[in-house]
Each structure stands twice: as structure tokens, then as C-alpha cells.
Amino acid sequence: MKTIINKKYIMHKLSLFLFTILITIPLFSNGGMAMEITSKDFKHNQPIPSLHTCDGKDFSPYLAWSGAPEGTKSFALSCIDPDAPMGDFIHWLVCNIPATVSEIPQAGPLPARAKEVANDFGKKPYGGPCPPSGTHRYFFTIYALKVGDLGVVNKKDFLKKVKENQLTSAEIIGVYKRER
């Protein structure tokens, strides 16, 4: 009886171990690293400096990413405020960023071939935080894509086309509250 219990216990532990390995392999198929995005201008879940907002020069922040998986043909980038009164407010959409690029400098320029898509301000370039009240969160998300060119996109179908071609993604969140 004791042998049967030990075998069941061992089989259970082995099954859990194998399940964990199978779940983890796709996440780290790029040499053991998950994709990551960082900024020199703000840290994750910390305030975005006013330089990058409507209260400053409205410069896009420096962004860098690493850990893109094998098979990445291009990147797309979004900046979305989920705390806007009418729901998600799009501040920046960029696609067709070449796979050889791993950063965007503060205030640009964007790399050759990269394409900006009109945002909810009705313009193509970055539109920085400008919350009407309270503290808002700004999700900067980089997407590794399996295609080199997303084709014709607009703000209504950008995320749909990105998700259809996404290998993985990473995000950094900045927060901003206007001083009045």
C-alpha cells in the first residue's frame, strides 16, 4: 500500500514539474529572457516628468526594449490612458518599427520605415499626458510582431492587427497628475 502511495505522489510531482516546464518554454524561447521595456525618463508605476506632457514640451519619452523572441520581424508601440473619462484614450501608435531597432530616443526621431497612426488628439505624433483631473496611468506597450509591415492601419484597427501578428509584448506604466 505504501509503495502505491509513493508512486502516486512521485507521478503527481513529476506531472507538475513537466507542466511547469511546458508552460515556461514558450515564455522564454528567446534565450531565457522575457521581453522588457524601460525608460530613462521614468520608472515603472512612477510619475512621468512634465517635459513629456501637455504641461511641458510634449516630448515623447526615451524608450528601450530587449528580449524580443526569435522570429520578430518588426515592432509596434502604443501609449494608452485607460483612466480617461470616456475610456481608453490613445496617445501614441507606431508600427513597422524595424526588428533591428531597440530604442526610441527622447523626442524622436522615429526610425526609418516606422509609421505613426493618428491618435485620439487627431494627430500622428506623440501626444503626452494631459488628464482633465486626478492621476492617470499611461501604458507604453511594445509588441514584437511576426510581420515586417502591418499594412494600412488606423486607430480603430491598430490593436486588432497588432494582436493578430503579436509574438509577445512588454509594458511600462507611467503616471501623471496635472498641477493646477
C-alpha atoms as a PDB file:
ATOM      1  CA  MET A   1       0.000   0.000   0.000  1.00  0.00           C
ATOM      2  CA  LYS A   2       2.792   2.407   0.914  1.00  0.00           C
ATOM      3  CA  THR A   3       4.528   1.743  -2.451  1.00  0.00           C
ATOM      4  CA  ILE A   4       1.379   2.668  -4.383  1.00  0.00           C
ATOM      5  CA  ILE A   5       1.015   5.947  -2.450  1.00  0.00           C
ATOM      6  CA  ASN A   6       4.686   6.791  -3.051  1.00  0.00           C
ATOM      7  CA  LYS A   7       4.336   6.061  -6.783  1.00  0.00           C
ATOM      8  CA  LYS A   8       1.217   8.252  -6.993  1.00  0.00           C
ATOM      9  CA  TYR A   9       2.976  11.015  -5.106  1.00  0.00           C
ATOM     10  CA  ILE A  10       6.036  10.812  -7.370  1.00  0.00           C
ATOM     11  CA  MET A  11       3.879  10.745 -10.523  1.00  0.00           C
ATOM     12  CA  HIS A  12       1.927  13.763  -9.252  1.00  0.00           C
ATOM     13  CA  LYS A  13       5.122  15.730  -8.572  1.00  0.00           C
ATOM     14  CA  LEU A  14       6.597  14.710 -11.937  1.00  0.00           C
ATOM     15  CA  SER A  15       3.403  15.799 -13.723  1.00  0.00           C
ATOM     16  CA  LEU A  16       3.522  19.213 -12.009  1.00  0.00           C
ATOM     17  CA  PHE A  17       7.188  19.615 -12.920  1.00  0.00           C
ATOM     18  CA  LEU A  18       6.603  18.738 -16.579  1.00  0.00           C
ATOM     19  CA  PHE A  19       3.560  21.010 -16.755  1.00  0.00           C
ATOM     20  CA  THR A  20       5.626  23.898 -15.378  1.00  0.00           C
ATOM     21  CA  ILE A  21       8.365  23.285 -17.956  1.00  0.00           C
ATOM     22  CA  LEU A  22       5.877  23.123 -20.840  1.00  0.00           C
ATOM     23  CA  ILE A  23       4.214  26.361 -19.767  1.00  0.00           C
ATOM     24  CA  THR A  24       7.534  28.177 -19.277  1.00  0.00           C
ATOM     25  CA  ILE A  25       9.301  27.190 -22.520  1.00  0.00           C
ATOM     26  CA  PRO A  26       7.199  29.434 -24.820  1.00  0.00           C
ATOM     27  CA  LEU A  27       7.671  32.392 -22.477  1.00  0.00           C
ATOM     28  CA  PHE A  28      11.439  32.088 -22.614  1.00  0.00           C
ATOM     29  CA  SER A  29      12.018  30.781 -26.131  1.00  0.00           C
ATOM     30  CA  ASN A  30      14.265  33.772 -26.762  1.00  0.00           C
ATOM     31  CA  GLY A  31      17.219  32.541 -24.732  1.00  0.00           C
ATOM     32  CA  GLY A  32      15.738  32.695 -21.243  1.00  0.00           C
ATOM     33  CA  MET A  33      14.594  36.310 -21.294  1.00  0.00           C
ATOM     34  CA  ALA A  34      11.106  37.758 -21.240  1.00  0.00           C
ATOM     35  CA  MET A  35      10.697  40.884 -23.332  1.00  0.00           C
ATOM     36  CA  GLU A  36      11.125  44.080 -21.324  1.00  0.00           C
ATOM     37  CA  ILE A  37      10.606  47.805 -21.947  1.00  0.00           C
ATOM     38  CA  THR A  38      12.273  50.543 -19.895  1.00  0.00           C
ATOM     39  CA  SER A  39      12.676  54.315 -19.942  1.00  0.00           C
ATOM     40  CA  LYS A  40      15.446  56.643 -18.796  1.00  0.00           C
ATOM     41  CA  ASP A  41      12.762  59.284 -18.210  1.00  0.00           C
ATOM     42  CA  PHE A  42      10.539  57.479 -15.703  1.00  0.00           C
ATOM     43  CA  LYS A  43      10.404  54.211 -13.794  1.00  0.00           C
ATOM     44  CA  HIS A  44       7.554  51.675 -13.849  1.00  0.00           C
ATOM     45  CA  ASN A  45       4.480  52.976 -11.972  1.00  0.00           C
ATOM     46  CA  GLN A  46       6.226  56.288 -11.251  1.00  0.00           C
ATOM     47  CA  PRO A  47       5.402  59.857 -12.369  1.00  0.00           C
ATOM     48  CA  ILE A  48       6.115  60.929 -15.942  1.00  0.00           C
ATOM     49  CA  PRO A  49       8.079  64.218 -15.934  1.00  0.00           C
ATOM     50  CA  SER A  50       6.080  67.231 -17.179  1.00  0.00           C
ATOM     51  CA  LEU A  51       8.555  67.577 -20.110  1.00  0.00           C
ATOM     52  CA  HIS A  52       6.636  64.671 -21.699  1.00  0.00           C
ATOM     53  CA  THR A  53       3.163  66.150 -21.118  1.00  0.00           C
ATOM     54  CA  CYS A  54       0.890  68.944 -22.336  1.00  0.00           C
ATOM     55  CA  ASP A  55       2.189  70.975 -19.389  1.00  0.00           C
ATOM     56  CA  GLY A  56       5.743  70.808 -20.775  1.00  0.00           C
ATOM     57  CA  LYS A  57       7.199  70.379 -24.256  1.00  0.00           C
ATOM     58  CA  ASP A  58       5.125  67.253 -25.032  1.00  0.00           C
ATOM     59  CA  PHE A  59       8.301  65.314 -25.924  1.00  0.00           C
ATOM     60  CA  SER A  60       7.947  61.559 -26.290  1.00  0.00           C
ATOM     61  CA  PRO A  61       9.958  59.740 -23.592  1.00  0.00           C
ATOM     62  CA  TYR A  62      13.042  57.657 -24.217  1.00  0.00           C
ATOM     63  CA  LEU A  63      12.026  54.006 -24.544  1.00  0.00           C
ATOM     64  CA  ALA A  64      14.235  50.924 -24.892  1.00  0.00           C
ATOM     65  CA  TRP A  65      13.347  47.251 -25.139  1.00  0.00           C
ATOM     66  CA  SER A  66      15.114  43.926 -25.056  1.00  0.00           C
ATOM     67  CA  GLY A  67      14.361  40.218 -25.102  1.00  0.00           C
ATOM     68  CA  ALA A  68      12.416  40.087 -28.374  1.00  0.00           C
ATOM     69  CA  PRO A  69      11.755  36.490 -29.382  1.00  0.00           C
ATOM     70  CA  GLU A  70      13.241  34.740 -32.365  1.00  0.00           C
ATOM     71  CA  GLY A  71      11.162  35.406 -35.469  1.00  0.00           C
ATOM     72  CA  THR A  72      10.467  39.064 -34.648  1.00  0.00           C
ATOM     73  CA  LYS A  73      10.114  40.935 -37.955  1.00  0.00           C
ATOM     74  CA  SER A  74       9.050  44.338 -36.583  1.00  0.00           C
ATOM     75  CA  PHE A  75       7.733  46.135 -33.524  1.00  0.00           C
ATOM     76  CA  ALA A  76       4.654  48.229 -32.787  1.00  0.00           C
ATOM     77  CA  LEU A  77       4.237  50.662 -29.917  1.00  0.00           C
ATOM     78  CA  SER A  78       1.211  52.111 -28.175  1.00  0.00           C
ATOM     79  CA  CYS A  79       0.610  54.571 -25.346  1.00  0.00           C
ATOM     80  CA  ILE A  80      -2.893  54.391 -23.907  1.00  0.00           C
ATOM     81  CA  ASP A  81      -4.570  56.062 -20.925  1.00  0.00           C
ATOM     82  CA  PRO A  82      -7.224  53.658 -19.553  1.00  0.00           C
ATOM     83  CA  ASP A  83      -8.332  56.207 -16.939  1.00  0.00           C
ATOM     84  CA  ALA A  84      -9.765  58.787 -19.357  1.00  0.00           C
ATOM     85  CA  PRO A  85     -13.410  59.716 -18.654  1.00  0.00           C
ATOM     86  CA  MET A  86     -14.631  58.174 -21.945  1.00  0.00           C
ATOM     87  CA  GLY A  87     -12.482  55.038 -21.664  1.00  0.00           C
ATOM     88  CA  ASP A  88      -9.151  54.224 -23.311  1.00  0.00           C
ATOM     89  CA  PHE A  89      -7.551  57.371 -24.741  1.00  0.00           C
ATOM     90  CA  ILE A  90      -4.875  56.737 -27.371  1.00  0.00           C
ATOM     91  CA  HIS A  91      -1.814  58.976 -27.041  1.00  0.00           C
ATOM     92  CA  TRP A  92       0.562  57.288 -29.477  1.00  0.00           C
ATOM     93  CA  LEU A  93       0.510  54.483 -32.031  1.00  0.00           C
ATOM     94  CA  VAL A  94       3.575  53.441 -34.024  1.00  0.00           C
ATOM     95  CA  CYS A  95       4.021  50.408 -36.268  1.00  0.00           C
ATOM     96  CA  ASN A  96       6.570  48.972 -38.704  1.00  0.00           C
ATOM     97  CA  ILE A  97       9.493  49.677 -36.359  1.00  0.00           C
ATOM     98  CA  PRO A  98      12.324  47.559 -37.830  1.00  0.00           C
ATOM     99  CA  ALA A  99      13.318  44.446 -35.863  1.00  0.00           C
ATOM    100  CA  THR A 100      16.899  45.782 -35.663  1.00  0.00           C
ATOM    101  CA  VAL A 101      15.742  48.768 -33.569  1.00  0.00           C
ATOM    102  CA  SER A 102      15.691  48.505 -29.773  1.00  0.00           C
ATOM    103  CA  GLU A 103      15.136  52.088 -28.633  1.00  0.00           C
ATOM    104  CA  ILE A 104      13.466  55.373 -29.467  1.00  0.00           C
ATOM    105  CA  PRO A 105      15.279  58.476 -28.231  1.00  0.00           C
ATOM    106  CA  GLN A 106      13.555  61.160 -26.212  1.00  0.00           C
ATOM    107  CA  ALA A 107      11.575  63.395 -28.618  1.00  0.00           C
ATOM    108  CA  GLY A 108      12.478  61.049 -31.516  1.00  0.00           C
ATOM    109  CA  PRO A 109      13.183  60.812 -34.296  1.00  0.00           C
ATOM    110  CA  LEU A 110      11.477  57.542 -35.107  1.00  0.00           C
ATOM    111  CA  PRO A 111      13.494  55.064 -37.142  1.00  0.00           C
ATOM    112  CA  ALA A 112      13.168  54.963 -40.925  1.00  0.00           C
ATOM    113  CA  ARG A 113      10.152  52.885 -42.035  1.00  0.00           C
ATOM    114  CA  ALA A 114       8.326  53.390 -38.726  1.00  0.00           C
ATOM    115  CA  LYS A 115       4.821  54.744 -39.217  1.00  0.00           C
ATOM    116  CA  GLU A 116       2.760  56.773 -36.763  1.00  0.00           C
ATOM    117  CA  VAL A 117      -1.010  56.371 -36.744  1.00  0.00           C
ATOM    118  CA  ALA A 118      -3.403  59.193 -35.803  1.00  0.00           C
ATOM    119  CA  ASN A 119      -4.187  59.210 -32.078  1.00  0.00           C
ATOM    120  CA  ASP A 120      -7.203  60.494 -30.129  1.00  0.00           C
ATOM    121  CA  PHE A 121      -5.827  64.056 -30.331  1.00  0.00           C
ATOM    122  CA  GLY A 122      -6.353  63.719 -34.086  1.00  0.00           C
ATOM    123  CA  LYS A 123      -2.639  63.918 -34.848  1.00  0.00           C
ATOM    124  CA  LYS A 124       0.041  61.398 -35.675  1.00  0.00           C
ATOM    125  CA  PRO A 125       2.909  62.343 -33.404  1.00  0.00           C
ATOM    126  CA  TYR A 126       3.050  61.517 -29.713  1.00  0.00           C
ATOM    127  CA  GLY A 127       0.533  63.415 -27.602  1.00  0.00           C
ATOM    128  CA  GLY A 128       1.618  63.453 -23.982  1.00  0.00           C
ATOM    129  CA  PRO A 129      -0.422  63.065 -20.820  1.00  0.00           C
ATOM    130  CA  CYS A 130      -2.982  65.811 -20.224  1.00  0.00           C
ATOM    131  CA  PRO A 131      -5.544  64.380 -17.786  1.00  0.00           C
ATOM    132  CA  PRO A 132      -8.587  66.577 -17.103  1.00  0.00           C
ATOM    133  CA  SER A 133      -8.493  65.631 -13.398  1.00  0.00           C
ATOM    134  CA  GLY A 134      -6.820  63.253 -10.982  1.00  0.00           C
ATOM    135  CA  THR A 135      -3.917  60.890 -11.552  1.00  0.00           C
ATOM    136  CA  HIS A 136      -3.992  58.841 -14.741  1.00  0.00           C
ATOM    137  CA  ARG A 137      -1.936  55.821 -15.817  1.00  0.00           C
ATOM    138  CA  TYR A 138      -0.200  55.665 -19.198  1.00  0.00           C
ATOM    139  CA  PHE A 139       0.557  52.207 -20.587  1.00  0.00           C
ATOM    140  CA  PHE A 140       3.503  52.209 -23.012  1.00  0.00           C
ATOM    141  CA  THR A 141       3.403  48.796 -24.692  1.00  0.00           C
ATOM    142  CA  ILE A 142       5.932  47.402 -27.166  1.00  0.00           C
ATOM    143  CA  TYR A 143       4.792  44.483 -29.313  1.00  0.00           C
ATOM    144  CA  ALA A 144       7.123  42.057 -31.113  1.00  0.00           C
ATOM    145  CA  LEU A 145       5.428  41.141 -34.392  1.00  0.00           C
ATOM    146  CA  LYS A 146       5.789  38.232 -36.806  1.00  0.00           C
ATOM    147  CA  VAL A 147       5.323  40.531 -39.829  1.00  0.00           C
ATOM    148  CA  GLY A 148       7.548  43.338 -41.098  1.00  0.00           C
ATOM    149  CA  ASP A 149       4.708  45.619 -42.181  1.00  0.00           C
ATOM    150  CA  LEU A 150       1.196  45.885 -40.731  1.00  0.00           C
ATOM    151  CA  GLY A 151      -0.118  47.403 -43.938  1.00  0.00           C
ATOM    152  CA  VAL A 152      -2.782  50.092 -43.830  1.00  0.00           C
ATOM    153  CA  VAL A 153      -3.883  50.674 -40.238  1.00  0.00           C
ATOM    154  CA  ASN A 154      -5.831  53.305 -38.348  1.00  0.00           C
ATOM    155  CA  LYS A 155      -6.532  53.832 -34.657  1.00  0.00           C
ATOM    156  CA  LYS A 156      -9.691  51.700 -34.852  1.00  0.00           C
ATOM    157  CA  ASP A 157      -7.956  48.556 -36.147  1.00  0.00           C
ATOM    158  CA  PHE A 158      -4.387  49.112 -34.915  1.00  0.00           C
ATOM    159  CA  LEU A 159      -4.631  46.926 -31.803  1.00  0.00           C
ATOM    160  CA  LYS A 160      -6.603  44.227 -33.636  1.00  0.00           C
ATOM    161  CA  LYS A 161      -3.946  43.942 -36.362  1.00  0.00           C
ATOM    162  CA  VAL A 162      -1.158  44.057 -33.779  1.00  0.00           C
ATOM    163  CA  LYS A 163      -2.726  41.278 -31.683  1.00  0.00           C
ATOM    164  CA  GLU A 164      -3.234  39.109 -34.791  1.00  0.00           C
ATOM    165  CA  ASN A 165       0.516  39.349 -35.515  1.00  0.00           C
ATOM    166  CA  GLN A 166       1.918  39.526 -31.968  1.00  0.00           C
ATOM    167  CA  LEU A 167       4.637  37.187 -30.751  1.00  0.00           C
ATOM    168  CA  THR A 168       4.904  38.836 -27.330  1.00  0.00           C
ATOM    169  CA  SER A 169       4.706  42.231 -25.655  1.00  0.00           C
ATOM    170  CA  ALA A 170       6.020  44.205 -22.707  1.00  0.00           C
ATOM    171  CA  GLU A 171       4.768  47.328 -20.961  1.00  0.00           C
ATOM    172  CA  ILE A 172       5.867  50.101 -18.694  1.00  0.00           C
ATOM    173  CA  ILE A 173       3.338  52.273 -16.905  1.00  0.00           C
ATOM    174  CA  GLY A 174       3.869  55.913 -16.058  1.00  0.00           C
ATOM    175  CA  VAL A 175       1.510  58.083 -14.029  1.00  0.00           C
ATOM    176  CA  TYR A 176       0.707  61.778 -14.285  1.00  0.00           C
ATOM    177  CA  LYS A 177      -1.386  64.337 -12.393  1.00  0.00           C
ATOM    178  CA  ARG A 178      -1.540  67.938 -13.543  1.00  0.00           C
ATOM    179  CA  GLU A 179      -0.519  70.631 -11.069  1.00  0.00           C
ATOM    180  CA  ARG A 180      -3.147  73.379 -11.081  1.00  0.00           C
END
